[in-house]
């Protein structure tokens, strides 16, 4: 048992003063320090410095770790050009990102206060690095392949990767499934995979309506994807439409990433099924895609969270930076209230979307926590200041164990 005594506790919107907390893997009690010392006399006591703030650990629900070697190999500014550059440089990027490269990316997330990762794994190259990570990991084995003739081989490969991830037995590692997107996965594969997902109650995610090219291809088998599919896959028609794709997930809450080109009918379906949309603002900007209409999501009561995507479409894996960029991109949103929504989008709401017992400093929750060293006494605009200023993260606790910092 440990007793931690910061100056302030943020949980999730309320700022507590003159409180401490007792925890092991879970937070057992929040109360004045003297009361906790009396109740837990054998606990180790850590009294933190002036202006210390304890807040929930951050949750990055969507990140591609396998392409973490990218610096300047990929082309930005247009989604199709970026995709062609990924294909052109894929082998070099994968060869140049060994376990040390991927572990470095994971460690950088720890330094940035990320205590849980939603890793989208296309090839299982990142399995060992994720298995050895200090963070909690929801390991999304990704299914991809739009050609019916290749369905059996692709499904066998997917199953092998899923089963390999299920052999990892360590606290905080959760095997899960990702369906790449409506344009890239054949319905046969989706239906077979969802049988496993529903039977085993696995967490599920998918990319959805990221680009104009996807929108046009799904709707009419036209647009910039027409040449792409004809040239590379000898495919002349989309394998599904958006309505059919969303219908596959009916009755099963799913995390849908990007969704910047969703229409009214699709948003209504997403709201009805209580899916969550993952907002990746930096990735959307770098790939020439529009800004997610968060006001529309709020109006329809669609839950949304924030993630970094991978280093193939970002310059760092830092949710504080991601929130800052989003704060400025959504220039018409009420500033302080939107800052609070962003913070919930990387803590409490992200935990809910992933089905995790974390995301807030509360009794009974897992002790996934950060200690930030503030410059001054916080005020009512703390949420905004946390996003605007790069405060030092002096300690990180994951499942009650200090993974960054010293006593």
Protein backbone atom coordinates (compact mmCIF):
# COMPACT_ATOMS: atom_id res chain seq x y z
CA UNK A 1 0.00 0.00 0.00
CA UNK A 2 1.20 3.50 -0.89
CA UNK A 3 -0.09 6.88 0.24
CA UNK A 4 0.47 9.74 -2.20
CA UNK A 5 0.03 13.32 -1.03
CA UNK A 6 -0.06 15.89 -3.84
CA UNK A 7 -1.13 19.52 -3.49
CA UNK A 8 -4.01 19.01 -5.91
CA UNK A 9 -5.99 16.16 -7.45
CA UNK A 10 -7.93 16.51 -10.73
CA UNK A 11 -10.78 14.02 -10.94
CA UNK A 12 -11.99 14.38 -13.68
CA UNK A 13 -13.21 18.00 -13.72
CA UNK A 14 -13.16 18.75 -9.98
CA UNK A 15 -9.98 20.05 -8.38
CA UNK A 16 -9.44 18.62 -4.89
CA UNK A 17 -7.14 20.32 -2.38
CA UNK A 18 -5.56 18.97 0.79
CA UNK A 19 -6.39 15.37 -0.08
CA UNK A 20 -4.21 12.30 -0.38
CA UNK A 21 -4.90 8.85 -1.70
CA UNK A 22 -4.05 5.32 -0.64
CA UNK A 23 -3.55 2.75 -3.40
CA UNK A 24 -2.05 -0.53 -4.45
CA UNK A 25 -3.11 -1.66 -7.91
CA UNK A 26 -6.37 0.23 -7.33
CA UNK A 27 -7.16 3.47 -5.56
CA UNK A 28 -8.47 2.43 -2.15
CA UNK A 29 -9.33 5.72 -0.52
CA UNK A 30 -9.14 9.50 -1.02
CA UNK A 31 -9.04 11.45 2.25
CA UNK A 32 -6.87 13.88 4.27
CA UNK A 33 -3.30 12.65 4.73
CA UNK A 34 -3.51 12.20 8.50
CA UNK A 35 -6.64 10.07 8.16
CA UNK A 36 -4.94 7.78 5.62
CA UNK A 37 -1.81 7.45 7.76
CA UNK A 38 -3.98 6.35 10.66
CA UNK A 39 -6.01 3.93 8.55
CA UNK A 40 -3.00 2.47 6.71
CA UNK A 41 -0.13 2.68 9.23
CA UNK A 42 2.20 0.39 7.27
CA UNK A 43 1.82 2.21 3.94
CA UNK A 44 4.72 3.94 2.25
CA UNK A 45 4.04 7.70 2.27
CA UNK A 46 5.10 9.94 -0.64
CA UNK A 47 4.63 13.66 -0.02
CA UNK A 48 4.96 15.64 -3.24
CA UNK A 49 6.44 19.07 -3.87
CA UNK A 50 4.63 22.40 -3.95
CA UNK A 51 2.13 22.89 -6.79
CA UNK A 52 2.09 19.17 -7.59
CA UNK A 53 -0.98 17.95 -9.46
CA UNK A 54 -2.19 14.37 -9.62
CA UNK A 55 -4.36 13.53 -12.63
CA UNK A 56 -5.44 10.38 -14.50
CA UNK A 57 -2.99 8.72 -16.86
CA UNK A 58 -3.60 9.44 -20.54
CA UNK A 59 -5.07 6.85 -22.91
CA UNK A 60 -3.98 6.79 -26.57
CA UNK A 61 -6.64 4.57 -28.10
CA UNK A 62 -5.32 4.53 -31.69
CA UNK A 63 -1.64 4.36 -32.60
CA UNK A 64 0.29 2.45 -35.30
CA UNK A 65 3.65 1.50 -33.81
CA UNK A 66 5.02 -0.59 -36.71
CA UNK A 67 5.78 2.48 -38.86
CA UNK A 68 7.58 4.42 -36.14
CA UNK A 69 10.76 4.72 -38.24
CA UNK A 70 9.19 7.39 -40.46
CA UNK A 71 10.70 10.86 -40.34
CA UNK A 72 10.64 12.27 -43.86
CA UNK A 73 10.03 9.26 -46.12
CA UNK A 74 6.27 9.75 -46.48
CA UNK A 75 4.46 12.43 -48.46
CA UNK A 76 2.02 14.72 -46.64
CA UNK A 77 -0.72 17.07 -47.77
CA UNK A 78 -2.91 14.64 -49.76
CA UNK A 79 -4.28 11.28 -48.66
CA UNK A 80 -3.74 9.38 -51.93
CA UNK A 81 -0.20 10.70 -52.37
CA UNK A 82 0.51 9.69 -48.79
CA UNK A 83 -0.91 6.21 -49.41
CA UNK A 84 1.24 5.70 -52.51
CA UNK A 85 4.28 6.84 -50.52
CA UNK A 86 3.44 4.31 -47.78
CA UNK A 87 3.35 1.54 -50.40
CA UNK A 88 6.60 2.74 -51.96
CA UNK A 89 8.51 2.95 -48.68
CA UNK A 90 6.74 0.23 -46.69
CA UNK A 91 9.55 -2.32 -46.84
CA UNK A 92 12.24 0.18 -45.85
CA UNK A 93 10.15 1.57 -43.00
CA UNK A 94 9.40 -1.87 -41.63
CA UNK A 95 12.99 -3.07 -41.99
CA UNK A 96 14.27 0.06 -40.25
CA UNK A 97 11.89 -0.25 -37.30
CA UNK A 98 13.06 -3.18 -35.23
CA UNK A 99 12.00 -3.89 -31.65
CA UNK A 100 14.30 -1.14 -30.36
CA UNK A 101 12.68 1.40 -32.67
CA UNK A 102 9.18 0.39 -31.60
CA UNK A 103 10.13 0.26 -27.93
CA UNK A 104 11.53 3.78 -28.24
CA UNK A 105 8.17 4.97 -29.58
CA UNK A 106 6.38 3.24 -26.71
CA UNK A 107 8.77 4.75 -24.16
CA UNK A 108 8.21 8.21 -25.64
CA UNK A 109 4.50 7.77 -24.95
CA UNK A 110 5.30 6.90 -21.34
CA UNK A 111 7.38 10.08 -21.05
CA UNK A 112 4.37 11.99 -22.40
CA UNK A 113 2.06 10.58 -19.72
CA UNK A 114 0.37 7.87 -21.78
CA UNK A 115 -0.41 4.94 -19.50
CA UNK A 116 -2.58 2.93 -21.93
CA UNK A 117 -2.05 2.29 -25.65
CA UNK A 118 -4.50 1.08 -28.28
CA UNK A 119 -1.98 -0.47 -30.69
CA UNK A 120 -3.25 -1.11 -34.23
CA UNK A 121 -1.10 -4.02 -35.38
CA UNK A 122 -1.07 -4.86 -39.09
CA UNK A 123 1.70 -7.47 -39.12
CA UNK A 124 2.34 -8.37 -35.43
CA UNK A 125 5.85 -6.95 -35.75
CA UNK A 126 5.02 -4.88 -32.68
CA UNK A 127 3.74 -7.77 -30.55
CA UNK A 128 6.96 -8.30 -28.60
CA UNK A 129 7.46 -4.58 -27.98
CA UNK A 130 3.87 -4.20 -26.80
CA UNK A 131 4.08 -7.31 -24.64
CA UNK A 132 7.14 -5.82 -22.93
CA UNK A 133 5.70 -2.30 -22.62
CA UNK A 134 5.24 -0.77 -19.18
CA UNK A 135 1.86 0.56 -20.27
CA UNK A 136 -1.46 -1.19 -20.48
CA UNK A 137 -1.96 -2.26 -24.11
CA UNK A 138 -5.16 -3.00 -25.99
CA UNK A 139 -3.60 -4.89 -28.91
CA UNK A 140 -5.83 -4.53 -31.98
CA UNK A 141 -4.96 -7.26 -34.51
CA UNK A 142 -5.85 -5.66 -37.83
CA UNK A 143 -7.77 -7.44 -40.61
CA UNK A 144 -7.23 -6.19 -44.17
CA UNK A 145 -7.91 -7.53 -47.67
CA UNK A 146 -10.60 -6.70 -50.23
CA UNK A 147 -10.00 -9.54 -52.73
CA UNK A 148 -12.28 -12.55 -52.37
CA UNK A 149 -9.67 -14.85 -53.91
CA UNK A 150 -7.27 -14.04 -51.07
CA UNK A 151 -9.85 -14.24 -48.28
CA UNK A 152 -8.84 -17.63 -46.90
CA UNK A 153 -5.13 -16.81 -46.78
CA UNK A 154 -5.71 -13.41 -45.24
CA UNK A 155 -8.08 -14.82 -42.65
CA UNK A 156 -5.60 -17.53 -41.69
CA UNK A 157 -2.88 -14.91 -41.25
CA UNK A 158 -5.21 -12.78 -39.12
CA UNK A 159 -6.17 -15.75 -36.94
CA UNK A 160 -2.52 -16.66 -36.38
CA UNK A 161 -1.75 -13.11 -35.25
CA UNK A 162 -4.80 -12.97 -32.99
CA UNK A 163 -3.92 -16.31 -31.40
CA UNK A 164 -0.30 -15.20 -30.90
CA UNK A 165 -1.51 -12.09 -29.06
CA UNK A 166 -3.76 -14.24 -26.89
CA UNK A 167 -0.73 -16.16 -25.62
CA UNK A 168 0.57 -12.99 -23.93
CA UNK A 169 -0.35 -13.34 -20.28
CA UNK A 170 0.58 -10.23 -18.39
CA UNK A 171 -1.38 -7.64 -16.46
CA UNK A 172 -2.78 -4.92 -18.67
CA UNK A 173 -2.36 -6.66 -22.05
CA UNK A 174 -5.70 -7.12 -23.85
CA UNK A 175 -5.99 -8.81 -27.30
CA UNK A 176 -8.51 -7.09 -29.57
CA UNK A 177 -9.52 -6.76 -33.24
CA UNK A 178 -9.35 -3.99 -35.86
CA UNK A 179 -11.21 -4.04 -39.17
CA UNK A 180 -9.08 -1.82 -41.38
CA UNK A 181 -11.81 0.06 -43.30
CA UNK A 182 -14.89 -0.40 -45.51
CA UNK A 183 -12.85 -0.05 -48.71
CA UNK A 184 -10.12 -2.52 -47.78
CA UNK A 185 -11.84 -5.52 -46.16
CA UNK A 186 -14.12 -7.96 -47.99
CA UNK A 187 -17.51 -8.59 -46.35
CA UNK A 188 -16.75 -12.31 -46.11
CA UNK A 189 -13.73 -11.54 -43.93
CA UNK A 190 -15.65 -9.05 -41.81
CA UNK A 191 -18.50 -11.45 -41.09
CA UNK A 192 -16.20 -14.35 -40.20
CA UNK A 193 -14.11 -12.16 -37.93
CA UNK A 194 -17.08 -10.61 -36.17
CA UNK A 195 -18.25 -14.07 -35.16
CA UNK A 196 -15.06 -14.40 -33.13
CA UNK A 197 -15.28 -10.83 -31.82
CA UNK A 198 -18.82 -11.31 -30.53
CA UNK A 199 -18.20 -14.80 -29.14
CA UNK A 200 -15.05 -13.78 -27.25
CA UNK A 201 -16.28 -10.25 -26.44
CA UNK A 202 -13.18 -8.61 -27.90
CA UNK A 203 -12.82 -4.85 -28.23
CA UNK A 204 -13.35 -3.73 -31.81
CA UNK A 205 -12.18 -0.77 -33.88
CA UNK A 206 -12.17 0.31 -37.54
CA UNK A 207 -11.08 3.23 -39.70
CA UNK A 208 -14.15 4.89 -41.21
CA UNK A 209 -14.55 7.70 -43.74
CA UNK A 210 -11.09 9.20 -43.42
CA UNK A 211 -10.74 10.70 -46.90
CA UNK A 212 -12.69 12.04 -49.86
CA UNK A 213 -11.20 9.20 -51.92
CA UNK A 214 -12.83 6.69 -49.57
CA UNK A 215 -16.15 8.54 -49.67
CA UNK A 216 -16.29 8.55 -53.48
CA UNK A 217 -15.14 4.95 -53.86
CA UNK A 218 -17.60 3.60 -51.31
CA UNK A 219 -20.50 5.60 -52.74
CA UNK A 220 -19.94 5.16 -56.47
CA UNK A 221 -16.70 3.22 -57.17
CA UNK A 222 -15.29 6.45 -58.58
CA UNK A 223 -12.74 9.06 -57.57
CA UNK A 224 -9.03 8.80 -56.82
CA UNK A 225 -9.33 5.26 -55.48
CA UNK A 226 -10.57 4.03 -58.87
CA UNK A 227 -7.10 4.05 -60.43
CA UNK A 228 -5.52 2.83 -57.19
CA UNK A 229 -7.70 -0.30 -57.00
CA UNK A 230 -7.58 -0.94 -60.76
CA UNK A 231 -3.78 -0.69 -60.95
CA UNK A 232 -2.77 -2.45 -57.76
CA UNK A 233 -5.59 -4.92 -57.15
CA UNK A 234 -7.35 -5.32 -60.53
CA UNK A 235 -10.54 -4.35 -58.71
CA UNK A 236 -13.22 -2.26 -60.45
CA UNK A 237 -15.93 -1.99 -57.78
CA UNK A 238 -16.10 -1.27 -54.07
CA UNK A 239 -16.76 -4.45 -52.08
CA UNK A 240 -19.28 -2.80 -49.77
CA UNK A 241 -21.08 0.46 -49.01
CA UNK A 242 -21.02 2.55 -45.86
CA UNK A 243 -24.46 1.52 -44.63
CA UNK A 244 -23.69 -2.19 -45.02
CA UNK A 245 -20.34 -1.73 -43.30
CA UNK A 246 -21.86 0.02 -40.27
CA UNK A 247 -24.65 -2.56 -40.08
CA UNK A 248 -22.08 -5.27 -39.39
CA UNK A 249 -21.40 -3.61 -36.03
CA UNK A 250 -25.01 -3.25 -34.94
CA UNK A 251 -25.41 -4.23 -31.32
CA UNK A 252 -21.65 -4.16 -30.69
CA UNK A 253 -20.11 -0.89 -29.56
CA UNK A 254 -17.16 -0.10 -31.82
CA UNK A 255 -14.46 2.58 -31.97
CA UNK A 256 -14.50 4.31 -35.38
CA UNK A 257 -11.39 6.31 -36.25
CA UNK A 258 -11.41 9.62 -38.19
CA UNK A 259 -15.03 9.73 -39.55
CA UNK A 260 -14.42 13.18 -41.06
CA UNK A 261 -16.50 12.38 -44.18
CA UNK A 262 -19.52 10.80 -42.46
CA UNK A 263 -22.95 11.94 -43.61
CA UNK A 264 -26.12 12.57 -41.61
CA UNK A 265 -27.51 9.05 -42.03
CA UNK A 266 -24.25 7.47 -40.90
CA UNK A 267 -23.93 9.74 -37.88
CA UNK A 268 -27.46 8.87 -36.85
CA UNK A 269 -26.59 5.17 -37.10
CA UNK A 270 -23.40 5.70 -35.09
CA UNK A 271 -25.36 7.55 -32.42
CA UNK A 272 -28.03 4.86 -32.27
CA UNK A 273 -25.47 2.08 -31.83
CA UNK A 274 -23.44 4.06 -29.27
CA UNK A 275 -20.20 3.77 -31.21
CA UNK A 276 -17.28 6.05 -30.29
CA UNK A 277 -15.42 8.22 -32.80
CA UNK A 278 -11.65 8.64 -32.42
CA UNK A 279 -10.45 12.14 -33.29
CA UNK A 280 -6.89 12.35 -34.72
CA UNK A 281 -6.49 16.04 -35.64
CA UNK A 282 -2.81 16.10 -36.57
CA UNK A 283 -3.11 13.04 -38.81
CA UNK A 284 -6.16 14.51 -40.54
CA UNK A 285 -4.34 17.78 -41.23
CA UNK A 286 -1.15 16.16 -42.51
CA UNK A 287 -3.04 13.87 -44.91
CA UNK A 288 -5.13 16.69 -46.36
CA UNK A 289 -8.39 15.66 -44.72
CA UNK A 290 -10.93 17.98 -43.06
CA UNK A 291 -11.44 18.69 -39.39
CA UNK A 292 -13.88 16.45 -37.54
CA UNK A 293 -17.19 18.23 -36.86
CA UNK A 294 -17.23 17.79 -33.09
CA UNK A 295 -20.18 20.15 -32.60
CA UNK A 296 -22.28 17.79 -34.69
CA UNK A 297 -21.10 14.83 -32.61
CA UNK A 298 -21.98 16.65 -29.39
CA UNK A 299 -25.40 17.61 -30.77
CA UNK A 300 -26.10 13.93 -31.55
CA UNK A 301 -24.62 12.71 -28.25
CA UNK A 302 -21.98 10.66 -30.07
CA UNK A 303 -19.04 9.96 -27.75
CA UNK A 304 -15.64 10.98 -29.09
CA UNK A 305 -12.09 10.63 -27.84
CA UNK A 306 -8.64 11.82 -28.94
CA UNK A 307 -5.68 9.79 -30.23
CA UNK A 308 -2.39 10.41 -32.02
CA UNK A 309 -2.56 7.87 -34.88
CA UNK A 310 0.97 6.67 -35.74
CA UNK A 311 4.26 8.29 -36.71
CA UNK A 312 3.40 7.57 -40.34
CA UNK A 313 1.02 10.56 -40.04
CA UNK A 314 2.29 12.46 -37.02
CA UNK A 315 5.53 13.99 -35.76
CA UNK A 316 5.28 12.78 -32.13
CA UNK A 317 3.13 10.53 -29.98
CA UNK A 318 1.99 13.12 -27.47
CA UNK A 319 -1.63 13.55 -26.43
CA UNK A 320 -0.98 16.95 -24.84
CA UNK A 321 0.24 18.15 -28.25
CA UNK A 322 -2.72 16.47 -29.95
CA UNK A 323 -5.16 18.26 -27.65
CA UNK A 324 -3.42 21.58 -28.25
CA UNK A 325 -3.69 21.24 -32.03
CA UNK A 326 -7.35 20.27 -31.72
CA UNK A 327 -8.00 23.23 -29.44
CA UNK A 328 -6.80 25.62 -32.14
CA UNK A 329 -8.37 23.76 -35.08
CA UNK A 330 -11.83 24.02 -33.52
CA UNK A 331 -11.72 27.80 -33.30
CA UNK A 332 -15.47 28.26 -32.82
CA UNK A 333 -15.76 25.91 -29.83
CA UNK A 334 -16.13 27.51 -26.36
CA UNK A 335 -12.52 27.53 -25.22
CA UNK A 336 -12.61 26.31 -21.63
CA UNK A 337 -15.46 23.84 -22.07
CA UNK A 338 -13.77 22.37 -25.15
CA UNK A 339 -10.49 22.02 -23.21
CA UNK A 340 -12.38 20.02 -20.58
CA UNK A 341 -13.93 17.83 -23.31
CA UNK A 342 -10.47 17.18 -24.77
CA UNK A 343 -9.10 16.11 -21.39
CA UNK A 344 -12.02 13.73 -20.91
CA UNK A 345 -11.29 12.47 -24.43
CA UNK A 346 -7.86 11.19 -23.37
CA UNK A 347 -8.88 9.99 -19.89
CA UNK A 348 -12.36 9.06 -18.68
CA UNK A 349 -14.13 8.81 -22.05
CA UNK A 350 -11.24 6.89 -23.61
CA UNK A 351 -11.33 4.42 -20.71
CA UNK A 352 -15.07 3.94 -21.18
CA UNK A 353 -14.64 3.34 -24.92
CA UNK A 354 -11.99 0.68 -24.29
CA UNK A 355 -13.86 -0.88 -21.36
CA UNK A 356 -11.09 -0.09 -18.87
CA UNK A 357 -11.31 0.51 -15.13
CA UNK A 358 -9.31 3.73 -15.32
CA UNK A 359 -9.47 7.28 -16.68
CA UNK A 360 -10.20 9.06 -13.40
CA UNK A 361 -8.84 9.46 -9.88
CA UNK A 362 -11.60 7.74 -7.94
CA UNK A 363 -11.88 5.01 -5.35
CA UNK A 364 -12.03 1.57 -6.97
CA UNK A 365 -10.33 2.71 -10.19
CA UNK A 366 -6.96 1.37 -11.33
CA UNK A 367 -4.07 3.51 -10.12
CA UNK A 368 -3.02 4.80 -13.56
CA UNK A 369 -1.90 8.31 -12.67
CA UNK A 370 0.41 11.21 -13.52
CA UNK A 371 2.10 13.77 -11.32
CA UNK A 372 2.59 17.13 -13.04
CA UNK A 373 4.74 19.91 -11.62
CA UNK A 374 2.75 23.12 -12.06
CA UNK A 375 4.39 26.54 -12.04
CA UNK A 376 1.75 28.17 -9.86
CA UNK A 377 -1.41 27.47 -7.91
CA UNK A 378 -4.05 26.26 -10.41
CA UNK A 379 -7.26 28.18 -11.02
CA UNK A 380 -10.63 27.56 -12.66
CA UNK A 381 -8.99 27.43 -16.11
CA UNK A 382 -6.72 24.51 -15.21
CA UNK A 383 -7.97 22.31 -18.08
CA UNK A 384 -6.93 24.96 -20.57
CA UNK A 385 -3.53 25.50 -18.96
CA UNK A 386 -2.78 21.77 -18.92
CA UNK A 387 -3.19 21.75 -22.70
CA UNK A 388 -1.39 25.01 -23.44
CA UNK A 389 1.69 24.52 -21.24
CA UNK A 390 4.15 21.63 -21.36
CA UNK A 391 4.35 20.94 -17.63
CA UNK A 392 6.93 18.48 -16.40
CA UNK A 393 5.57 14.97 -15.81
CA UNK A 394 7.62 13.93 -12.80
CA UNK A 395 5.94 10.62 -11.97
CA UNK A 396 3.86 8.04 -13.81
CA UNK A 397 2.02 5.22 -12.05
CA UNK A 398 0.54 2.28 -13.95
CA UNK A 399 -1.57 -0.23 -12.03
CA UNK A 400 -0.14 1.28 -8.88
CA UNK A 401 3.51 0.79 -9.84
CA UNK A 402 5.74 3.80 -10.40
CA UNK A 403 7.02 3.46 -13.99
CA UNK A 404 8.58 6.93 -14.26
CA UNK A 405 10.13 9.11 -11.56
CA UNK A 406 11.82 8.58 -8.22
CA UNK A 407 10.72 8.63 -4.60
